[in-house]
Structures are given as structure tokens and as C-alpha cells.
Amino acid sequence: MNQSELQFPSDSPINTLKLGGQNKMVYEHLLSGKTINCIQAQDLFVTALNSRISELRNKYSVKIYDRFVNIG
């Protein structure tokens, strides 16, 4: 599945001026319609992707959908 095929609506925009550093990089990556995993996050110099996703969800109320993929 191509990364650009996934499209999820966002309920409300957030104030991106409040986002900083790694949160902003992850948010902008997801906002562009792409998916992200831990290896891709390391290319963006994001070391704890699960923490950044958690902060975006809980602190900034961003809706982020999970998808688990079997690779075995």
C-alpha cells in the first residue's frame, strides 16, 4: 500500500505555533498524508516516536490513527 493512499480527516486544526521541535516535524509529516514508523522517524531525528504521538494526541488533541502491520 502506498503511503499517499491513506487519508484520514482531522476534526479541527491546531495552533501549530505552539508545536515545537520533534512534535512539529511529526505533525507536519502526518499532515502531508504520509504514514510514519520508528525507522522513518529516526530519519527526521525523532528518537521517541511513541512519545511524540502521545503528546500530539493528549496535549494538542490531534486525531492520529494507528495501523499495525505484520512483517513476519
Protein backbone atom coordinates (compact mmCIF):
# COMPACT_ATOMS: atom_id res chain seq x y z
CA MET A 1 0.00 0.00 0.00
CA ASN A 2 1.35 3.37 -0.98
CA GLN A 3 1.71 5.85 1.87
CA SER A 4 -0.16 8.56 -0.01
CA GLU A 5 -3.28 6.36 -0.30
CA LEU A 6 -4.18 6.80 3.35
CA GLN A 7 -6.36 9.78 4.10
CA PHE A 8 -7.94 10.48 7.47
CA PRO A 9 -9.97 13.58 8.24
CA SER A 10 -8.93 15.87 11.04
CA ASP A 11 -11.71 17.25 13.22
CA SER A 12 -10.09 20.57 13.92
CA PRO A 13 -6.86 22.36 13.08
CA ILE A 14 -4.41 23.03 15.88
CA ASN A 15 -2.25 26.03 16.58
CA THR A 16 1.00 24.87 15.01
CA LEU A 17 2.82 27.82 16.54
CA LYS A 18 2.59 26.02 19.90
CA LEU A 19 4.25 22.91 18.49
CA GLY A 20 7.96 22.71 18.88
CA GLY A 21 10.84 20.62 17.61
CA GLN A 22 10.10 16.96 17.14
CA ASN A 23 6.33 17.33 17.68
CA LYS A 24 6.16 19.79 14.81
CA MET A 25 8.20 17.55 12.49
CA VAL A 26 5.98 14.53 13.21
CA TYR A 27 2.78 16.59 12.88
CA GLU A 28 3.82 18.09 9.54
CA HIS A 29 4.87 14.67 8.24
CA LEU A 30 1.48 13.18 9.14
CA LEU A 31 -0.39 16.25 7.90
CA SER A 32 1.18 15.75 4.46
CA GLY A 33 -0.76 12.47 4.25
CA LYS A 34 2.17 10.14 4.87
CA THR A 35 2.47 7.40 7.44
CA ILE A 36 5.43 7.09 9.78
CA ASN A 37 7.16 4.33 11.68
CA CYS A 38 10.06 4.33 14.13
CA ILE A 39 12.70 3.88 11.43
CA GLN A 40 11.32 6.74 9.33
CA ALA A 41 11.12 8.90 12.46
CA GLN A 42 14.82 8.37 13.08
CA ASP A 43 15.49 9.88 9.64
CA LEU A 44 13.72 13.01 10.96
CA PHE A 45 15.89 12.82 14.12
CA VAL A 46 12.85 11.86 16.22
CA THR A 47 14.08 9.29 18.70
CA ALA A 48 10.90 8.50 20.68
CA LEU A 49 8.08 8.42 18.16
CA ASN A 50 5.61 6.87 20.61
CA SER A 51 6.13 9.81 22.98
CA ARG A 52 5.68 12.38 20.23
CA ILE A 53 2.46 10.68 19.06
CA SER A 54 1.20 10.57 22.65
CA GLU A 55 1.91 14.27 23.15
CA LEU A 56 0.19 15.21 19.90
CA ARG A 57 -2.87 13.21 20.93
CA ASN A 58 -3.09 14.20 24.59
CA LYS A 59 -1.64 17.69 24.78
CA TYR A 60 -2.70 19.05 21.38
CA SER A 61 -5.83 16.89 20.72
CA VAL A 62 -4.65 15.71 17.31
CA LYS A 63 -6.51 12.66 15.98
CA ILE A 64 -3.95 10.09 14.90
CA TYR A 65 -4.98 6.67 13.66
CA ASP A 66 -2.92 3.54 14.31
CA ARG A 67 -2.39 0.71 11.90
CA PHE A 68 -0.46 -2.40 12.87
CA VAL A 69 1.32 -4.34 10.17
CA ASN A 70 2.62 -7.91 10.41
CA ILE A 71 6.09 -8.19 8.91
CA GLY A 72 6.80 -11.81 9.65
